[in-house]
Amino acid sequence: MTFGVAQFYPVAVFVTIGAPLVLLAAVGQNGCELLAVPNLVLRRNDYLFCLPFSPIDAWEHRRRALLQDSSDGHTGKSNSPTAVLRG
């Protein structure tokens, strides 16, 4: 009877991992898929480091910041002392 049960493993993996990832993408949040549903239900923004997706989240954050700066007319140059020191 294990043959019938084994057919549900792909569905269980999708529901456990895939559906929360799609939910995170739909609402525009980043983080681990384990906290996606609790964060939305409790209206919180807890973050749990997720090794496979953290580089992707960092890239998306930089990309959004660049797009927002360009839409605000920001040239990317700053007069702050740290920006001057960095060159």
C-alpha atoms as a PDB file:
ATOM      1  CA  MET A   1       0.000   0.000   0.000  1.00  0.00           C
ATOM      2  CA  THR A   2       2.993   2.343   0.108  1.00  0.00           C
ATOM      3  CA  PHE A   3       2.719   2.858  -3.652  1.00  0.00           C
ATOM      4  CA  GLY A   4      -0.494   4.882  -3.245  1.00  0.00           C
ATOM      5  CA  VAL A   5       0.950   7.023  -0.469  1.00  0.00           C
ATOM      6  CA  ALA A   6       4.137   7.775  -2.428  1.00  0.00           C
ATOM      7  CA  GLN A   7       2.090   9.431  -5.156  1.00  0.00           C
ATOM      8  CA  PHE A   8       1.111  12.235  -2.765  1.00  0.00           C
ATOM      9  CA  TYR A   9       4.704  13.242  -1.875  1.00  0.00           C
ATOM     10  CA  PRO A  10       5.122  15.685  -4.806  1.00  0.00           C
ATOM     11  CA  VAL A  11       1.812  17.319  -3.937  1.00  0.00           C
ATOM     12  CA  ALA A  12       2.808  17.588  -0.272  1.00  0.00           C
ATOM     13  CA  VAL A  13       6.146  19.161  -1.199  1.00  0.00           C
ATOM     14  CA  PHE A  14       4.438  21.717  -3.428  1.00  0.00           C
ATOM     15  CA  VAL A  15       1.852  22.624  -0.807  1.00  0.00           C
ATOM     16  CA  THR A  16       4.465  22.893   1.957  1.00  0.00           C
ATOM     17  CA  ILE A  17       7.159  24.808   0.048  1.00  0.00           C
ATOM     18  CA  GLY A  18       5.843  25.981  -3.310  1.00  0.00           C
ATOM     19  CA  ALA A  19       2.568  27.578  -2.290  1.00  0.00           C
ATOM     20  CA  PRO A  20       4.121  29.833   0.407  1.00  0.00           C
ATOM     21  CA  LEU A  21       6.831  30.911  -2.061  1.00  0.00           C
ATOM     22  CA  VAL A  22       4.173  31.917  -4.579  1.00  0.00           C
ATOM     23  CA  LEU A  23       2.332  33.711  -1.777  1.00  0.00           C
ATOM     24  CA  LEU A  24       5.503  35.622  -0.788  1.00  0.00           C
ATOM     25  CA  ALA A  25       6.083  36.635  -4.386  1.00  0.00           C
ATOM     26  CA  ALA A  26       2.492  37.782  -4.786  1.00  0.00           C
ATOM     27  CA  VAL A  27       2.649  40.127  -1.796  1.00  0.00           C
ATOM     28  CA  GLY A  28       6.221  41.257  -2.541  1.00  0.00           C
ATOM     29  CA  GLN A  29       7.849  40.078   0.672  1.00  0.00           C
ATOM     30  CA  ASN A  30      11.110  38.245   1.115  1.00  0.00           C
ATOM     31  CA  GLY A  31      12.266  35.683   3.628  1.00  0.00           C
ATOM     32  CA  CYS A  32      11.791  32.046   4.394  1.00  0.00           C
ATOM     33  CA  GLU A  33       8.725  30.227   3.181  1.00  0.00           C
ATOM     34  CA  LEU A  34       8.147  28.760   6.646  1.00  0.00           C
ATOM     35  CA  LEU A  35       7.014  32.156   7.971  1.00  0.00           C
ATOM     36  CA  ALA A  36       4.983  33.252   4.959  1.00  0.00           C
ATOM     37  CA  VAL A  37       1.545  32.178   6.136  1.00  0.00           C
ATOM     38  CA  PRO A  38       2.008  33.063   9.849  1.00  0.00           C
ATOM     39  CA  ASN A  39       3.344  36.515   8.912  1.00  0.00           C
ATOM     40  CA  LEU A  40       0.354  37.226   6.683  1.00  0.00           C
ATOM     41  CA  VAL A  41      -2.191  35.897   9.163  1.00  0.00           C
ATOM     42  CA  LEU A  42      -0.676  37.770  12.126  1.00  0.00           C
ATOM     43  CA  ARG A  43       0.213  40.851  10.034  1.00  0.00           C
ATOM     44  CA  ARG A  44       3.840  40.697  11.100  1.00  0.00           C
ATOM     45  CA  ASN A  45       7.087  40.961   9.206  1.00  0.00           C
ATOM     46  CA  ASP A  46       9.358  38.472  10.958  1.00  0.00           C
ATOM     47  CA  TYR A  47      12.445  37.511   8.982  1.00  0.00           C
ATOM     48  CA  LEU A  48      14.165  34.159   9.107  1.00  0.00           C
ATOM     49  CA  PHE A  49      17.446  33.783   7.209  1.00  0.00           C
ATOM     50  CA  CYS A  50      17.011  31.351   4.352  1.00  0.00           C
ATOM     51  CA  LEU A  51      20.332  30.364   2.782  1.00  0.00           C
ATOM     52  CA  PRO A  52      19.116  29.404  -0.717  1.00  0.00           C
ATOM     53  CA  PHE A  53      16.969  32.511  -1.200  1.00  0.00           C
ATOM     54  CA  SER A  54      18.902  35.228   0.669  1.00  0.00           C
ATOM     55  CA  PRO A  55      21.139  36.128  -2.324  1.00  0.00           C
ATOM     56  CA  ILE A  56      18.044  36.443  -4.518  1.00  0.00           C
ATOM     57  CA  ASP A  57      16.311  38.594  -1.886  1.00  0.00           C
ATOM     58  CA  ALA A  58      19.391  40.859  -1.629  1.00  0.00           C
ATOM     59  CA  TRP A  59      19.513  41.248  -5.424  1.00  0.00           C
ATOM     60  CA  GLU A  60      15.808  42.117  -5.542  1.00  0.00           C
ATOM     61  CA  HIS A  61      16.260  44.660  -2.735  1.00  0.00           C
ATOM     62  CA  ARG A  62      19.127  46.382  -4.585  1.00  0.00           C
ATOM     63  CA  ARG A  63      17.169  46.343  -7.841  1.00  0.00           C
ATOM     64  CA  ARG A  64      14.075  47.868  -6.201  1.00  0.00           C
ATOM     65  CA  ALA A  65      16.208  50.567  -4.561  1.00  0.00           C
ATOM     66  CA  LEU A  66      17.809  51.445  -7.899  1.00  0.00           C
ATOM     67  CA  LEU A  67      14.459  51.566  -9.665  1.00  0.00           C
ATOM     68  CA  GLN A  68      12.960  53.718  -6.923  1.00  0.00           C
ATOM     69  CA  ASP A  69      15.968  56.093  -6.984  1.00  0.00           C
ATOM     70  CA  SER A  70      15.751  56.464 -10.756  1.00  0.00           C
ATOM     71  CA  SER A  71      12.017  57.153 -10.634  1.00  0.00           C
ATOM     72  CA  ASP A  72      12.555  59.805  -7.929  1.00  0.00           C
ATOM     73  CA  GLY A  73      15.115  61.593 -10.096  1.00  0.00           C
ATOM     74  CA  HIS A  74      17.977  60.668  -7.812  1.00  0.00           C
ATOM     75  CA  THR A  75      21.283  60.631  -9.698  1.00  0.00           C
ATOM     76  CA  GLY A  76      23.010  58.208  -7.358  1.00  0.00           C
ATOM     77  CA  LYS A  77      25.551  60.782  -6.178  1.00  0.00           C
ATOM     78  CA  SER A  78      25.485  61.931  -2.604  1.00  0.00           C
ATOM     79  CA  ASN A  79      27.212  64.660  -0.659  1.00  0.00           C
ATOM     80  CA  SER A  80      27.447  62.613   2.524  1.00  0.00           C
ATOM     81  CA  PRO A  81      30.949  62.176   4.021  1.00  0.00           C
ATOM     82  CA  THR A  82      30.874  58.388   3.593  1.00  0.00           C
ATOM     83  CA  ALA A  83      30.015  58.711  -0.094  1.00  0.00           C
ATOM     84  CA  VAL A  84      32.846  61.202  -0.586  1.00  0.00           C
ATOM     85  CA  LEU A  85      35.321  58.890   1.140  1.00  0.00           C
ATOM     86  CA  ARG A  86      34.264  55.917  -0.973  1.00  0.00           C
ATOM     87  CA  GLY A  87      34.924  57.904  -4.109  1.00  0.00           C
END
